Amino acid sequence: MANQKGEVDTCVFLKDNQPLDNYTYSLVGTPCDAVFIQRFCYYPINVASTFPEDKELVDLNKESYLGSILLAENSEPVGLIALMDEKPLQNPAFAEHLILVLSPAIEEELCRLKNAEAVNTKL
């Protein structure tokens, strides 16, 4: 979920099926910002050159990007999910379908984590 500073905290970040450290990044100049506005974005080619301000995309030499917003039951954004690759996605329709099938479970878990964090903050 984006905070008031226009930043997002990663919950799970994988590269080559290996988990990486989570981090906070600015949405400005990223395709993730477009996801929060449009709810779904697909850039089949040239995503790094389309978003030159996104240093991670450029440094990781990403070619394609597919992202979707994740919503709570009240339709408020709770996060986003994105797939990126150094080459065009081989089967973007399958990737989109997979995200749509998995999104409800991911949304539920993000809401549960957010609620647990709110309870712990109050303690």
Protein backbone atom coordinates (compact mmCIF):
# COMPACT_ATOMS: atom_id res chain seq x y z
CA MET A 1 0.00 0.00 0.00
CA ALA A 2 1.28 3.45 -0.84
CA ASN A 3 1.92 5.71 2.12
CA GLN A 4 1.43 9.48 2.35
CA LYS A 5 4.93 10.01 0.95
CA GLY A 6 4.05 8.13 -2.25
CA GLU A 7 6.19 5.15 -1.27
CA VAL A 8 5.51 1.42 -1.21
CA ASP A 9 6.96 -1.24 1.09
CA THR A 10 7.59 -4.60 -0.53
CA CYS A 11 6.24 -7.67 1.31
CA VAL A 12 7.75 -10.30 -0.96
CA PHE A 13 10.41 -9.60 -3.56
CA LEU A 14 11.78 -12.47 -5.64
CA LYS A 15 14.51 -12.64 -8.25
CA ASP A 16 15.16 -15.93 -10.04
CA ASN A 17 12.86 -17.65 -7.52
CA GLN A 18 15.02 -16.44 -4.62
CA PRO A 19 13.68 -14.06 -1.95
CA LEU A 20 15.42 -10.71 -1.70
CA ASP A 21 15.36 -8.25 1.17
CA ASN A 22 12.22 -6.15 1.30
CA TYR A 23 12.61 -2.43 0.84
CA THR A 24 10.69 0.82 0.44
CA TYR A 25 10.62 2.61 -2.91
CA SER A 26 9.04 5.72 -4.36
CA LEU A 27 6.19 5.28 -6.82
CA VAL A 28 7.18 8.40 -8.76
CA GLY A 29 8.24 7.55 -12.30
CA THR A 30 7.49 3.81 -11.95
CA PRO A 31 5.01 1.52 -13.68
CA CYS A 32 3.72 0.67 -10.19
CA ASP A 33 2.41 4.24 -9.95
CA ALA A 34 0.45 3.59 -13.13
CA VAL A 35 -1.01 0.44 -11.53
CA PHE A 36 -2.42 2.49 -8.64
CA ILE A 37 -4.05 4.85 -11.15
CA GLN A 38 -5.20 2.38 -13.84
CA ARG A 39 -5.61 -0.75 -11.65
CA PHE A 40 -3.80 -2.92 -14.23
CA CYS A 41 -0.83 -2.25 -16.50
CA TYR A 42 1.05 -4.31 -19.03
CA TYR A 43 4.20 -3.14 -20.75
CA PRO A 44 5.23 -5.96 -23.12
CA ILE A 45 8.52 -4.32 -24.18
CA ASN A 46 10.83 -1.43 -23.30
CA VAL A 47 9.51 -0.92 -19.76
CA ALA A 48 12.92 0.27 -18.47
CA SER A 49 13.23 2.88 -21.24
CA THR A 50 9.57 3.88 -20.77
CA PHE A 51 10.28 4.61 -17.08
CA PRO A 52 13.89 5.90 -17.03
CA GLU A 53 13.40 7.43 -13.55
CA ASP A 54 12.85 3.93 -12.14
CA LYS A 55 16.45 3.11 -11.26
CA GLU A 56 15.66 -0.49 -10.25
CA LEU A 57 14.03 -1.26 -13.61
CA VAL A 58 16.98 0.23 -15.45
CA ASP A 59 19.61 -1.44 -13.20
CA LEU A 60 17.87 -4.82 -13.46
CA ASN A 61 17.48 -4.37 -17.25
CA LYS A 62 13.77 -5.19 -17.22
CA GLU A 63 12.06 -5.48 -20.58
CA SER A 64 8.47 -6.37 -19.62
CA TYR A 65 6.12 -5.58 -16.74
CA LEU A 66 2.65 -6.76 -15.77
CA GLY A 67 1.08 -5.34 -12.64
CA SER A 68 -2.30 -5.34 -10.92
CA ILE A 69 -3.70 -3.50 -7.92
CA LEU A 70 -4.79 -5.45 -4.84
CA LEU A 71 -7.95 -4.25 -3.09
CA ALA A 72 -9.57 -4.69 0.31
CA GLU A 73 -13.26 -5.63 0.58
CA ASN A 74 -14.12 -1.92 0.69
CA SER A 75 -12.31 -1.46 -2.68
CA GLU A 76 -9.46 0.49 -1.04
CA PRO A 77 -5.98 -0.33 -2.39
CA VAL A 78 -3.93 -2.57 -0.09
CA GLY A 79 -1.03 -3.19 -2.45
CA LEU A 80 -0.02 -4.39 -5.85
CA ILE A 81 1.47 -7.43 -7.51
CA ALA A 82 3.90 -7.19 -10.40
CA LEU A 83 5.76 -9.57 -12.68
CA MET A 84 8.87 -8.31 -14.48
CA ASP A 85 11.32 -9.97 -16.84
CA GLU A 86 14.45 -9.20 -18.85
CA LYS A 87 12.57 -10.35 -21.95
CA PRO A 88 8.95 -10.09 -23.12
CA LEU A 89 6.59 -12.28 -21.07
CA GLN A 90 6.08 -15.55 -22.92
CA ASN A 91 2.42 -15.91 -22.03
CA PRO A 92 0.97 -12.62 -20.72
CA ALA A 93 -2.63 -13.89 -20.88
CA PHE A 94 -1.73 -16.77 -18.54
CA ALA A 95 0.19 -14.40 -16.24
CA GLU A 96 -2.82 -12.06 -16.07
CA HIS A 97 -5.15 -15.00 -15.39
CA LEU A 98 -2.84 -16.29 -12.65
CA ILE A 99 -2.77 -12.88 -10.97
CA LEU A 100 -6.57 -12.63 -11.14
CA VAL A 101 -6.97 -16.11 -9.62
CA LEU A 102 -4.43 -15.50 -6.84
CA SER A 103 -5.37 -11.90 -6.04
CA PRO A 104 -8.26 -12.66 -3.62
CA ALA A 105 -6.03 -14.81 -1.39
CA ILE A 106 -3.21 -12.25 -1.51
CA GLU A 107 -5.62 -9.40 -0.77
CA GLU A 108 -7.02 -11.30 2.22
CA GLU A 109 -3.53 -11.95 3.60
CA LEU A 110 -2.45 -8.33 3.14
CA CYS A 111 -5.57 -7.15 4.98
CA ARG A 112 -4.91 -9.65 7.78
CA LEU A 113 -1.30 -8.44 8.08
CA LYS A 114 -2.40 -4.81 8.05
CA ASN A 115 -4.99 -5.47 10.80
CA ALA A 116 -2.46 -7.38 12.92
CA GLU A 117 0.03 -4.53 12.51
CA ALA A 118 -2.62 -2.00 13.59
CA VAL A 119 -3.39 -4.06 16.71
CA ASN A 120 0.32 -4.37 17.58
CA THR A 121 0.81 -0.62 17.09
CA LYS A 122 -1.97 0.11 19.59
CA LEU A 123 -0.47 -2.20 22.24
